[in-house]
Amino acid sequence: MKRLLYLLFAILLGTNAAMAQQKSNEHDKDIDIELLRKLQIAQLAITQLYVDSVDQNKLVEDAINGMLEKLDPHSSYSNAQQTKKLNEPLEGNFEGIGVQFNMLEDTLVVIQTISKGPSEKAGIVAGDRFVTCDDVTIAGVKMERDSIMRMLRGPKGTKVKLGVKRNGNKDLIYFTLKRDKIPVNTLGASYMITPKTGYIELDRFGATSGKEVKEAIAQLQRQGMQNLILDLTANGGGYLGAAFEVADQFLEKNDLVVYTEGRTTPRQVFHAEGGGLFTQGKLAILVSEYSASAAEIVAGAIQDHDRGTIIGRRTFGKGLVQRPIDLPDGSMIRLTVSHYYTPSGRCIQKPYVKGQHDEYSQDLNNRFTHGELTSIDSIHLDSTKVYHTLRERRTVYGGGGIMPDVFVPLDTTTYTKLYTGIRRLGLINSASLRYIDRNRKKIRAEYPDFSNFIQHYEVPQSLIDDIIAQAAEKDVKPKDDEELQATVPDLKFTLKALVAYDIWDRNEYFRIINEKSDIVKRALEVLESGT
């Protein structure tokens, strides 16, 4: 008890000193030292006096989460491990061995090696199975995917010993790899979708996105690109700086891209620097209800400057700026400090009630229920938040998200109930992985280039029959032969795209799936017919 009193006394002395410091610092006038002391005493009392032992780390994390949960939906806390995992896709690289893989029956199967990475240099090839890692068995033992990744990754320069099973070899082959920096690309695809229109798909806005988009534009221009489709339909955002760099490729020098402003953070204004590679040609930005944050910044800037056509459905509406606050143990608080505003002055953030996160998370479901995703007549714009584009003075609306210039409804009739059930069970991906694993060499030999593959490859009926049979075992069956016949073409289409992804890369995957994309088709109509 004496120890507790000493500790409490030390806290009181410390906070009294802090109070004196606070009085001399006008900037900290909002800080209530008495409340800080209250939190300290509560944590100390619980750890020292509570009837049972407590996990102090969890106690503090729960307190932090409890405070943040009462704020906006995007302020958050992540522990050290979560922070590292969240940051890797945005930072442009991680340290590891450089493979893309999938799990097949509790075994890691290599899909591709990263160009010039440690695995490629060591001679690991697609189809290889990792059985051991540093003499620990990782195949067939139901090890979690994240646990395997943690074993394979590690600091640059460290070594890892892999026992690999390769088709045609009876015994394991052993490789010792030296881990290295592995690039993480944010650009999913870049190709000429027609002789004069280029297509770029951007997954997220990371540290390398500006450079990747610039290089992709330059490459497409060398192939004769006059028009460009920038696909942000599933882009959940990322770094503000990356959004600025991407928008800079399309806007004139000094064009306003975005500005931010908060209660205690001064207004920050971002203008295009000029010199972008695609400031003149026809431009279409594809968006959906999953386009958020940085994706909305780019779409808003292009729309407000009348630089291109926004095509798709109203974006998510995430216009809150988070400032990362690093904590001593590697954990992080992402605290909302300001709002994003488009060049016309629109706040991107959709309405929310502090602390009511469940309602906020149901927003997309509510949009679907109310018909907003499927019918333009169900969209009700906020007439109190009217703005105008900067060049053509077109009317645009605030109230959250970016409403596209050309609405493309979500087609809920595209797939049969049988197809949806099969996909929900994960049978398409697992069946394609097994099929590719058995036939990779044969497919490569028969279709040495993608153009030959896309024209002549047919998914075997045996693979379709296998999937239908597996679905039936899980009580997912066609209601009649008509539904079965309507499902088969979609199964073949999806499987062909997955085979292309595995044998080549995501570029080829998008070249196939875009053939059936309503948003992409509408963009081509707008760009190439002028309607």
Protein backbone atom coordinates (compact mmCIF):
# COMPACT_ATOMS: atom_id res chain seq x y z
CA MET A 1 0.00 0.00 0.00
CA LYS A 2 2.89 2.33 0.77
CA ARG A 3 4.24 1.69 -2.72
CA LEU A 4 0.92 2.73 -4.22
CA LEU A 5 0.86 5.92 -2.17
CA TYR A 6 4.39 6.76 -3.31
CA LEU A 7 3.41 6.23 -6.91
CA LEU A 8 0.29 8.36 -6.56
CA PHE A 9 2.36 11.08 -4.93
CA ALA A 10 4.85 10.97 -7.82
CA ILE A 11 2.01 11.33 -10.31
CA LEU A 12 0.65 14.32 -8.42
CA LEU A 13 4.06 15.97 -8.40
CA GLY A 14 4.50 15.28 -12.10
CA THR A 15 1.11 16.57 -13.08
CA ASN A 16 1.46 19.68 -10.92
CA ALA A 17 4.69 20.44 -12.77
CA ALA A 18 2.87 19.82 -16.02
CA MET A 19 0.13 22.22 -14.92
CA ALA A 20 2.70 24.92 -14.37
CA GLN A 21 4.17 24.25 -17.79
CA GLN A 22 0.70 24.31 -19.33
CA LYS A 23 -0.08 27.76 -17.96
CA SER A 24 2.90 29.10 -19.85
CA ASN A 25 1.90 27.46 -23.08
CA GLU A 26 -1.18 28.97 -24.69
CA HIS A 27 -1.14 26.36 -27.46
CA ASP A 28 -2.05 23.65 -24.93
CA LYS A 29 -5.06 25.51 -23.51
CA ASP A 30 -7.38 22.62 -24.43
CA ILE A 31 -5.43 20.11 -22.32
CA ASP A 32 -7.06 19.38 -18.96
CA ILE A 33 -4.29 18.15 -16.66
CA GLU A 34 -6.80 17.11 -14.02
CA LEU A 35 -8.34 14.64 -16.46
CA LEU A 36 -4.92 13.27 -17.41
CA ARG A 37 -4.19 12.71 -13.74
CA LYS A 38 -7.56 10.99 -13.36
CA LEU A 39 -6.64 8.49 -16.11
CA GLN A 40 -3.24 7.81 -14.59
CA ILE A 41 -4.65 7.19 -11.12
CA ALA A 42 -7.35 4.88 -12.50
CA GLN A 43 -4.80 2.76 -14.40
CA LEU A 44 -2.48 2.64 -11.42
CA ALA A 45 -5.25 1.74 -8.98
CA ILE A 46 -6.49 -1.13 -11.17
CA THR A 47 -3.05 -2.65 -11.69
CA GLN A 48 -2.11 -2.36 -8.00
CA LEU A 49 -5.36 -3.03 -6.16
CA TYR A 50 -7.69 -5.09 -8.39
CA VAL A 51 -8.65 -8.49 -6.92
CA ASP A 52 -7.19 -10.44 -9.87
CA SER A 53 -4.03 -9.91 -11.88
CA VAL A 54 -4.53 -7.82 -15.03
CA ASP A 55 -2.76 -7.55 -18.37
CA GLN A 56 -1.50 -3.97 -18.21
CA ASN A 57 -0.86 -3.80 -21.94
CA LYS A 58 -4.41 -4.89 -22.74
CA LEU A 59 -5.78 -2.54 -20.10
CA VAL A 60 -4.10 0.45 -21.75
CA GLU A 61 -5.06 -0.67 -25.27
CA ASP A 62 -8.69 -1.11 -24.20
CA ALA A 63 -8.67 2.39 -22.72
CA ILE A 64 -7.27 3.87 -25.94
CA ASN A 65 -9.79 1.99 -28.06
CA GLY A 66 -12.57 3.03 -25.72
CA MET A 67 -11.74 6.71 -26.23
CA LEU A 68 -11.36 6.42 -30.00
CA GLU A 69 -14.63 4.50 -30.39
CA LYS A 70 -16.51 7.55 -29.15
CA LEU A 71 -15.04 9.70 -31.92
CA ASP A 72 -15.41 9.44 -35.70
CA PRO A 73 -15.45 6.10 -37.57
CA HIS A 74 -11.88 6.44 -38.89
CA SER A 75 -9.83 7.29 -35.81
CA SER A 76 -8.23 4.01 -34.78
CA TYR A 77 -5.55 2.22 -32.79
CA SER A 78 -3.32 -0.64 -33.98
CA ASN A 79 -0.76 -2.62 -32.01
CA ALA A 80 2.82 -2.99 -33.28
CA GLN A 81 2.12 -6.09 -35.35
CA GLN A 82 -1.05 -4.67 -36.86
CA THR A 83 0.70 -1.37 -37.62
CA LYS A 84 3.44 -3.10 -39.59
CA LYS A 85 0.88 -5.16 -41.51
CA LEU A 86 -1.22 -2.07 -42.31
CA ASN A 87 1.75 -0.01 -43.48
CA GLU A 88 3.46 -2.56 -45.73
CA PRO A 89 1.02 -2.32 -48.68
CA LEU A 90 1.47 1.46 -48.75
CA GLU A 91 5.19 1.84 -48.10
CA GLY A 92 6.28 0.40 -51.43
CA ASN A 93 8.29 -2.55 -50.15
CA PHE A 94 8.73 -5.15 -47.45
CA GLU A 95 11.56 -7.48 -46.52
CA GLY A 96 11.16 -11.12 -47.50
CA ILE A 97 11.84 -13.75 -50.16
CA GLY A 98 9.71 -12.44 -53.06
CA VAL A 99 6.96 -14.91 -53.96
CA GLN A 100 3.26 -14.74 -54.69
CA PHE A 101 1.54 -17.84 -53.35
CA ASN A 102 -1.73 -19.55 -52.59
CA MET A 103 -2.66 -22.20 -50.05
CA LEU A 104 -3.69 -25.55 -51.55
CA GLU A 105 -4.77 -28.20 -49.04
CA ASP A 106 -2.68 -26.71 -46.20
CA THR A 107 0.37 -26.32 -48.42
CA LEU A 108 1.95 -23.14 -49.77
CA VAL A 109 2.10 -23.30 -53.57
CA VAL A 110 4.16 -20.69 -55.43
CA ILE A 111 2.14 -18.83 -58.06
CA GLN A 112 4.86 -16.47 -59.22
CA THR A 113 8.26 -15.24 -58.13
CA ILE A 114 8.95 -11.51 -57.93
CA SER A 115 11.26 -10.39 -60.72
CA LYS A 116 14.88 -10.19 -59.53
CA GLY A 117 13.84 -11.18 -56.01
CA PRO A 118 15.61 -13.75 -53.81
CA SER A 119 13.32 -16.64 -54.83
CA GLU A 120 13.75 -16.05 -58.56
CA LYS A 121 17.52 -15.72 -58.16
CA ALA A 122 17.66 -18.98 -56.17
CA GLY A 123 15.73 -20.89 -58.84
CA ILE A 124 12.33 -21.31 -57.20
CA VAL A 125 9.60 -21.64 -59.84
CA ALA A 126 5.82 -21.52 -60.10
CA GLY A 127 4.26 -24.73 -58.80
CA ASP A 128 6.91 -25.32 -56.11
CA ARG A 129 5.55 -26.31 -52.69
CA PHE A 130 7.18 -25.08 -49.48
CA VAL A 131 7.31 -28.04 -47.07
CA THR A 132 9.79 -26.84 -44.46
CA CYS A 133 11.07 -23.45 -43.33
CA ASP A 134 14.27 -23.49 -41.25
CA ASP A 135 13.64 -27.20 -40.65
CA VAL A 136 10.13 -26.57 -39.30
CA THR A 137 7.35 -28.36 -41.19
CA ILE A 138 4.83 -25.87 -42.57
CA ALA A 139 2.94 -28.10 -45.05
CA GLY A 140 -0.05 -30.24 -44.10
CA VAL A 141 -0.06 -29.07 -40.47
CA LYS A 142 -2.91 -26.55 -40.75
CA MET A 143 -0.59 -23.63 -40.00
CA GLU A 144 -2.24 -20.20 -40.37
CA ARG A 145 -1.33 -18.24 -43.49
CA ASP A 146 -0.14 -15.28 -41.39
CA SER A 147 2.14 -17.57 -39.35
CA ILE A 148 3.77 -18.88 -42.52
CA MET A 149 4.27 -15.35 -43.82
CA ARG A 150 5.94 -14.32 -40.57
CA MET A 151 8.39 -17.21 -40.93
CA LEU A 152 9.24 -16.34 -44.53
CA ARG A 153 9.64 -12.63 -43.96
CA GLY A 154 12.45 -11.08 -42.01
CA PRO A 155 15.09 -8.35 -42.01
CA LYS A 156 17.04 -7.75 -45.20
CA GLY A 157 20.24 -9.79 -45.27
CA THR A 158 19.03 -12.58 -43.00
CA LYS A 159 18.83 -16.10 -44.38
CA VAL A 160 16.04 -18.68 -44.51
CA LYS A 161 16.33 -22.35 -45.46
CA LEU A 162 13.43 -23.81 -47.45
CA GLY A 163 12.60 -27.43 -48.17
CA VAL A 164 10.73 -27.46 -51.48
CA LYS A 165 8.70 -30.21 -53.16
CA ARG A 166 8.80 -29.90 -56.95
CA ASN A 167 6.72 -31.90 -59.38
CA GLY A 168 8.88 -34.64 -60.93
CA ASN A 169 11.28 -34.77 -57.97
CA LYS A 170 10.89 -37.53 -55.40
CA ASP A 171 12.91 -35.82 -52.66
CA LEU A 172 12.79 -32.32 -51.29
CA ILE A 173 15.04 -29.69 -52.84
CA TYR A 174 16.67 -27.33 -50.36
CA PHE A 175 17.29 -23.64 -50.97
CA THR A 176 18.95 -21.09 -48.72
CA LEU A 177 17.68 -17.61 -49.55
CA LYS A 178 18.95 -14.25 -48.37
CA ARG A 179 15.98 -11.98 -47.65
CA ASP A 180 15.85 -8.63 -49.43
CA LYS A 181 13.65 -5.60 -50.04
CA ILE A 182 10.65 -6.72 -52.09
CA PRO A 183 8.76 -4.06 -54.07
CA VAL A 184 5.01 -3.77 -53.53
CA ASN A 185 3.30 -2.43 -56.62
CA THR A 186 0.03 -0.54 -56.27
CA LEU A 187 -0.79 -0.57 -59.97
CA GLY A 188 -2.84 -3.63 -60.89
CA ALA A 189 -2.96 -3.36 -64.68
CA SER A 190 -1.88 -1.17 -67.57
CA TYR A 191 -2.61 -1.97 -71.23
CA MET A 192 -4.17 -0.66 -74.44
CA ILE A 193 -7.82 -1.68 -74.22
CA THR A 194 -8.47 -0.39 -77.78
CA PRO A 195 -6.04 0.91 -80.42
CA LYS A 196 -6.38 4.47 -79.09
CA THR A 197 -7.53 4.06 -75.46
CA GLY A 198 -5.33 3.04 -72.57
CA TYR A 199 -6.47 1.45 -69.34
CA ILE A 200 -4.82 1.75 -65.92
CA GLU A 201 -6.11 0.05 -62.77
CA LEU A 202 -4.79 1.35 -59.45
CA ASP A 203 -5.35 -0.80 -56.36
CA ARG A 204 -4.45 1.77 -53.71
CA PHE A 205 -2.46 4.96 -53.22
CA GLY A 206 0.94 4.02 -51.82
CA ALA A 207 4.40 5.53 -51.72
CA THR A 208 5.20 4.44 -55.28
CA SER A 209 1.80 5.11 -56.92
CA GLY A 210 2.73 8.44 -58.50
CA LYS A 211 5.84 6.95 -60.10
CA GLU A 212 3.96 3.81 -61.23
CA VAL A 213 1.13 5.77 -62.87
CA LYS A 214 3.55 8.15 -64.57
CA GLU A 215 5.55 5.26 -66.02
CA ALA A 216 2.37 3.49 -67.15
CA ILE A 217 1.12 6.63 -68.93
CA ALA A 218 4.45 7.05 -70.69
CA GLN A 219 4.44 3.43 -71.82
CA LEU A 220 0.84 3.65 -73.12
CA GLN A 221 1.60 6.88 -74.96
CA ARG A 222 4.43 5.11 -76.76
CA GLN A 223 1.78 2.64 -77.92
CA GLY A 224 -0.38 5.41 -79.36
CA MET A 225 -2.71 6.23 -76.46
CA GLN A 226 -5.04 9.19 -77.07
CA ASN A 227 -7.66 8.49 -74.38
CA LEU A 228 -7.22 7.06 -70.89
CA ILE A 229 -9.39 5.11 -68.46
CA LEU A 230 -8.16 5.29 -64.84
CA ASP A 231 -9.94 2.58 -62.86
CA LEU A 232 -10.41 3.41 -59.15
CA THR A 233 -13.53 1.30 -58.61
CA ALA A 234 -12.13 -0.81 -55.77
CA ASN A 235 -9.48 1.66 -54.57
CA GLY A 236 -9.89 2.30 -50.86
CA GLY A 237 -7.39 5.16 -50.76
CA GLY A 238 -4.03 5.57 -49.05
CA TYR A 239 -1.50 8.38 -48.89
CA LEU A 240 -2.56 11.96 -49.61
CA GLY A 241 0.79 12.62 -51.27
CA ALA A 242 0.20 9.76 -53.69
CA ALA A 243 -3.24 11.15 -54.62
CA PHE A 244 -1.63 14.51 -55.32
CA GLU A 245 1.07 12.93 -57.52
CA VAL A 246 -1.49 10.97 -59.55
CA ALA A 247 -3.82 13.96 -60.03
CA ASP A 248 -0.80 16.04 -61.05
CA GLN A 249 -0.46 13.92 -64.21
CA PHE A 250 -3.80 15.25 -65.50
CA LEU A 251 -4.05 18.88 -64.31
CA GLU A 252 -2.46 22.15 -65.37
CA LYS A 253 0.12 23.94 -63.26
CA ASN A 254 -1.37 25.67 -60.18
CA ASP A 255 -4.73 23.87 -60.49
CA LEU A 256 -6.01 23.23 -56.98
CA VAL A 257 -6.04 19.48 -56.23
CA VAL A 258 -7.37 19.38 -52.67
CA TYR A 259 -7.23 21.29 -49.40
CA THR A 260 -7.52 20.12 -45.81
CA GLU A 261 -8.69 21.96 -42.72
CA GLY A 262 -9.40 21.07 -39.10
CA ARG A 263 -10.12 22.61 -35.71
CA THR A 264 -6.48 22.86 -34.68
CA THR A 265 -4.74 22.16 -37.96
CA PRO A 266 -4.28 25.10 -40.34
CA ARG A 267 -5.54 24.88 -43.90
CA GLN A 268 -3.18 23.02 -46.20
CA VAL A 269 -3.56 23.66 -49.91
CA PHE A 270 -2.19 21.39 -52.64
CA HIS A 271 -1.77 22.73 -56.19
CA ALA A 272 -0.67 20.83 -59.27
CA GLU A 273 2.98 21.39 -60.05
CA GLY A 274 2.55 21.10 -63.81
CA GLY A 275 4.40 18.95 -66.28
CA GLY A 276 1.95 16.06 -66.11
CA LEU A 277 2.12 13.57 -68.97
CA PHE A 278 -1.61 13.47 -69.74
CA THR A 279 -3.09 16.95 -69.48
CA GLN A 280 -4.83 17.06 -72.88
CA GLY A 281 -6.34 13.72 -73.97
CA LYS A 282 -9.81 12.43 -73.09
CA LEU A 283 -9.92 11.05 -69.55
CA ALA A 284 -12.42 8.83 -67.72
CA ILE A 285 -12.16 8.06 -64.00
CA LEU A 286 -14.04 4.92 -62.95
CA VAL A 287 -15.45 4.91 -59.41
CA SER A 288 -17.79 2.81 -57.29
CA GLU A 289 -19.18 2.69 -53.78
CA TYR A 290 -15.83 1.18 -52.71
CA SER A 291 -13.72 4.10 -53.99
CA ALA A 292 -12.62 6.10 -50.95
CA SER A 293 -10.29 8.72 -49.52
CA ALA A 294 -7.38 9.33 -51.90
CA ALA A 295 -9.42 7.90 -54.79
CA GLU A 296 -12.11 10.49 -54.04
CA ILE A 297 -9.52 13.26 -53.96
CA VAL A 298 -8.42 12.42 -57.51
CA ALA A 299 -12.00 11.99 -58.77
CA GLY A 300 -13.11 15.25 -57.11
CA ALA A 301 -10.22 17.24 -58.55
CA ILE A 302 -10.78 15.90 -62.08
CA GLN A 303 -14.52 16.60 -61.86
CA ASP A 304 -14.21 20.08 -60.37
CA HIS A 305 -11.73 21.17 -63.04
CA ASP A 306 -13.88 19.62 -65.81
CA ARG A 307 -10.78 17.71 -66.84
CA GLY A 308 -12.47 14.36 -67.41
CA THR A 309 -15.63 12.32 -66.95
CA ILE A 310 -16.36 10.49 -63.69
CA ILE A 311 -18.16 7.22 -64.47
CA GLY A 312 -19.75 4.67 -62.12
CA ARG A 313 -21.55 5.03 -58.78
CA ARG A 314 -21.30 7.45 -55.84
CA THR A 315 -18.07 6.95 -53.96
CA PHE A 316 -17.76 5.86 -50.33
CA GLY A 317 -17.48 9.31 -48.74
CA LYS A 318 -14.31 9.08 -46.63
CA GLY A 319 -13.04 12.61 -46.28
CA LEU A 320 -11.42 12.57 -42.84
CA VAL A 321 -7.66 13.05 -42.60
CA GLN A 322 -5.84 10.83 -40.11
CA ARG A 323 -2.53 11.82 -38.57
CA PRO A 324 -0.40 8.82 -37.49
CA ILE A 325 0.84 9.10 -33.91
CA ASP A 326 3.64 6.61 -33.26
CA LEU A 327 3.77 5.10 -29.77
CA PRO A 328 6.97 3.84 -28.08
CA ASP A 329 6.20 0.11 -28.53
CA GLY A 330 5.63 0.35 -32.29
CA SER A 331 1.87 0.70 -31.99
CA MET A 332 0.06 3.63 -33.54
CA ILE A 333 -2.95 5.87 -33.17
CA ARG A 334 -4.46 7.21 -36.39
CA LEU A 335 -6.29 10.30 -35.21
CA THR A 336 -8.61 12.34 -37.40
CA VAL A 337 -7.35 15.93 -37.48
CA SER A 338 -9.04 17.54 -40.50
CA HIS A 339 -11.36 17.17 -43.50
CA TYR A 340 -10.66 16.85 -47.22
CA TYR A 341 -12.26 19.43 -49.54
CA THR A 342 -12.40 19.30 -53.33
CA PRO A 343 -11.34 22.34 -55.39
CA SER A 344 -14.96 23.62 -55.53
CA GLY A 345 -15.18 23.47 -51.74
CA ARG A 346 -17.09 20.20 -51.32
CA CYS A 347 -16.40 18.18 -48.18
CA ILE A 348 -15.90 14.58 -49.25
CA GLN A 349 -16.91 13.06 -45.88
CA LYS A 350 -20.41 11.58 -45.64
CA PRO A 351 -22.46 12.33 -42.50
CA TYR A 352 -21.90 10.29 -39.32
CA VAL A 353 -22.79 10.38 -35.65
CA LYS A 354 -19.86 10.15 -33.25
CA GLY A 355 -19.72 6.80 -31.52
CA GLN A 356 -22.34 5.18 -33.76
CA HIS A 357 -19.99 3.11 -35.88
CA ASP A 358 -22.42 0.27 -36.59
CA GLU A 359 -24.78 2.57 -38.44
CA TYR A 360 -21.88 4.05 -40.39
CA SER A 361 -20.58 0.61 -41.39
CA GLN A 362 -24.02 -0.32 -42.71
CA ASP A 363 -24.14 2.63 -45.10
CA LEU A 364 -23.34 0.62 -48.24
CA ASN A 365 -25.92 -2.01 -47.35
CA ASN A 366 -28.45 0.77 -46.82
CA ARG A 367 -27.60 2.26 -50.21
CA PHE A 368 -28.28 -1.11 -51.81
CA THR A 369 -31.53 -1.59 -49.89
CA HIS A 370 -32.75 1.86 -50.85
CA GLY A 371 -31.96 1.22 -54.51
CA GLU A 372 -29.22 3.85 -54.90
CA LEU A 373 -26.76 1.36 -56.41
CA THR A 374 -29.20 0.05 -58.99
CA SER A 375 -31.31 3.05 -60.04
CA ILE A 376 -30.41 6.68 -60.58
CA ASP A 377 -33.99 7.61 -59.66
CA SER A 378 -33.34 6.40 -56.10
CA ILE A 379 -30.46 8.83 -55.57
CA HIS A 380 -31.40 11.88 -53.52
CA LEU A 381 -28.80 14.64 -53.66
CA ASP A 382 -28.54 17.26 -50.93
CA SER A 383 -30.03 20.43 -52.41
CA THR A 384 -28.53 22.48 -49.56
CA LYS A 385 -24.99 21.63 -50.68
CA VAL A 386 -24.81 22.87 -54.26
CA TYR A 387 -21.43 23.67 -55.81
CA HIS A 388 -20.17 24.39 -59.31
CA THR A 389 -17.25 23.09 -61.32
CA LEU A 390 -14.53 25.65 -61.93
CA ARG A 391 -14.42 25.83 -65.72
CA GLU A 392 -17.81 24.87 -67.10
CA ARG A 393 -19.80 25.86 -63.98
CA ARG A 394 -21.66 22.55 -63.95
CA THR A 395 -23.68 21.79 -60.82
CA VAL A 396 -22.17 19.24 -58.42
CA TYR A 397 -23.27 18.31 -54.93
CA GLY A 398 -21.68 17.96 -51.53
CA GLY A 399 -22.97 15.82 -48.70
CA GLY A 400 -20.46 13.01 -48.94
CA GLY A 401 -18.64 11.16 -51.68
CA ILE A 402 -18.30 12.05 -55.36
CA MET A 403 -21.40 11.61 -57.51
CA PRO A 404 -20.30 10.51 -61.01
CA ASP A 405 -21.11 12.44 -64.18
CA VAL A 406 -22.27 9.21 -65.80
CA PHE A 407 -24.14 6.76 -63.57
CA VAL A 408 -23.69 3.03 -64.21
CA PRO A 409 -26.04 0.89 -62.10
CA LEU A 410 -24.96 -2.24 -60.29
CA ASP A 411 -26.34 -5.16 -62.29
CA THR A 412 -27.80 -7.57 -59.74
CA THR A 413 -29.08 -9.90 -62.46
CA THR A 414 -25.64 -10.68 -63.90
CA TYR A 415 -25.15 -13.93 -62.01
CA THR A 416 -27.52 -16.79 -61.17
CA LYS A 417 -28.22 -17.83 -57.61
CA LEU A 418 -26.24 -21.01 -58.30
CA TYR A 419 -23.15 -19.09 -59.43
CA THR A 420 -23.35 -16.78 -56.40
CA GLY A 421 -23.61 -19.78 -54.07
CA ILE A 422 -20.64 -21.53 -55.67
CA ARG A 423 -18.52 -18.40 -55.43
CA ARG A 424 -19.51 -17.81 -51.81
CA LEU A 425 -18.23 -21.31 -50.95
CA GLY A 426 -14.85 -20.46 -52.52
CA LEU A 427 -15.09 -23.40 -54.90
CA ILE A 428 -14.09 -21.48 -58.03
CA ASN A 429 -10.74 -20.33 -56.66
CA SER A 430 -9.84 -23.65 -55.05
CA ALA A 431 -10.79 -25.68 -58.16
CA SER A 432 -8.84 -23.37 -60.47
CA LEU A 433 -5.78 -23.58 -58.23
CA ARG A 434 -5.83 -27.39 -58.30
CA TYR A 435 -6.42 -27.42 -62.05
CA ILE A 436 -3.58 -24.99 -62.77
CA ASP A 437 -1.25 -26.88 -60.46
CA ARG A 438 -1.79 -30.06 -62.50
CA ASN A 439 -1.77 -28.41 -65.93
CA ARG A 440 0.60 -25.42 -65.70
CA LYS A 441 3.29 -26.84 -68.01
CA LYS A 442 0.73 -28.11 -70.51
CA ILE A 443 -1.05 -24.75 -70.74
CA ARG A 444 2.23 -22.86 -71.13
CA ALA A 445 3.30 -25.21 -73.90
CA GLU A 446 0.00 -25.01 -75.79
CA TYR A 447 -0.40 -21.23 -75.37
CA PRO A 448 3.07 -19.63 -75.44
CA ASP A 449 1.63 -16.10 -75.59
CA PHE A 450 -1.45 -14.45 -74.15
CA SER A 451 -3.00 -13.39 -77.46
CA ASN A 452 -3.13 -17.05 -78.48
CA PHE A 453 -4.57 -18.01 -75.09
CA ILE A 454 -7.33 -15.40 -75.10
CA GLN A 455 -8.46 -16.42 -78.58
CA HIS A 456 -8.33 -20.20 -78.33
CA TYR A 457 -8.24 -21.42 -74.73
CA GLU A 458 -11.41 -23.14 -73.50
CA VAL A 459 -12.03 -24.17 -69.90
CA PRO A 460 -12.56 -27.96 -69.91
CA GLN A 461 -16.04 -29.22 -69.13
CA SER A 462 -14.53 -31.66 -66.65
CA LEU A 463 -13.48 -28.73 -64.45
CA ILE A 464 -17.00 -27.30 -64.57
CA ASP A 465 -18.49 -30.71 -63.70
CA ASP A 466 -16.10 -31.03 -60.77
CA ILE A 467 -17.17 -27.65 -59.35
CA ILE A 468 -20.88 -28.42 -59.80
CA ALA A 469 -20.42 -31.77 -58.04
CA GLN A 470 -18.55 -30.16 -55.11
CA ALA A 471 -21.28 -27.56 -54.78
CA ALA A 472 -23.96 -30.26 -54.72
CA GLU A 473 -22.13 -31.97 -51.85
CA LYS A 474 -22.54 -28.72 -49.91
CA ASP A 475 -26.24 -28.55 -50.86
CA VAL A 476 -25.80 -25.82 -53.47
CA LYS A 477 -27.67 -27.11 -56.50
CA PRO A 478 -29.36 -25.64 -59.60
CA LYS A 479 -33.12 -25.31 -59.32
CA ASP A 480 -33.43 -26.61 -62.88
CA ASP A 481 -31.43 -27.26 -66.05
CA GLU A 482 -32.09 -23.72 -67.28
CA GLU A 483 -30.27 -22.23 -64.28
CA LEU A 484 -27.41 -24.69 -64.75
CA GLN A 485 -26.99 -23.75 -68.41
CA ALA A 486 -27.10 -20.04 -67.53
CA THR A 487 -24.39 -20.56 -64.89
CA VAL A 488 -21.85 -22.47 -66.98
CA PRO A 489 -20.72 -19.54 -69.22
CA ASP A 490 -20.03 -17.37 -66.16
CA LEU A 491 -18.06 -20.16 -64.49
CA LYS A 492 -15.97 -20.62 -67.64
CA PHE A 493 -15.39 -16.89 -67.96
CA THR A 494 -14.21 -16.50 -64.35
CA LEU A 495 -12.03 -19.60 -64.53
CA LYS A 496 -10.37 -18.43 -67.74
CA ALA A 497 -9.50 -15.12 -66.07
CA LEU A 498 -8.04 -16.95 -63.04
CA VAL A 499 -5.96 -19.21 -65.26
CA ALA A 500 -4.62 -16.15 -67.08
CA TYR A 501 -3.71 -14.50 -63.76
CA ASP A 502 -1.83 -17.58 -62.61
CA ILE A 503 0.01 -18.26 -65.87
CA TRP A 504 0.78 -14.59 -66.62
CA ASP A 505 -0.21 -11.76 -64.27
CA ARG A 506 -2.94 -9.36 -63.22
CA ASN A 507 -2.59 -7.39 -66.45
CA GLU A 508 -3.93 -10.37 -68.37
CA TYR A 509 -6.56 -11.03 -65.72
CA PHE A 510 -8.01 -7.54 -66.17
CA ARG A 511 -7.87 -7.85 -69.96
CA ILE A 512 -10.34 -10.70 -69.63
CA ILE A 513 -12.69 -9.51 -66.90
CA ASN A 514 -13.00 -6.03 -68.42
CA GLU A 515 -14.74 -7.62 -71.40
CA LYS A 516 -17.83 -7.95 -69.18
CA SER A 517 -17.48 -4.79 -67.06
CA ASP A 518 -20.44 -2.44 -67.56
CA ILE A 519 -18.45 0.52 -66.20
CA VAL A 520 -15.53 -0.11 -68.56
CA LYS A 521 -17.91 -0.53 -71.53
CA ARG A 522 -19.62 2.76 -70.70
CA ALA A 523 -16.27 4.53 -70.39
CA LEU A 524 -15.27 3.33 -73.84
CA GLU A 525 -18.54 4.65 -75.23
CA VAL A 526 -17.95 8.05 -73.64
CA LEU A 527 -14.34 8.32 -74.74
CA GLU A 528 -14.52 6.88 -78.24
CA SER A 529 -17.97 7.96 -79.40
CA GLY A 530 -18.12 11.26 -77.53
CA THR A 531 -21.51 10.48 -75.94
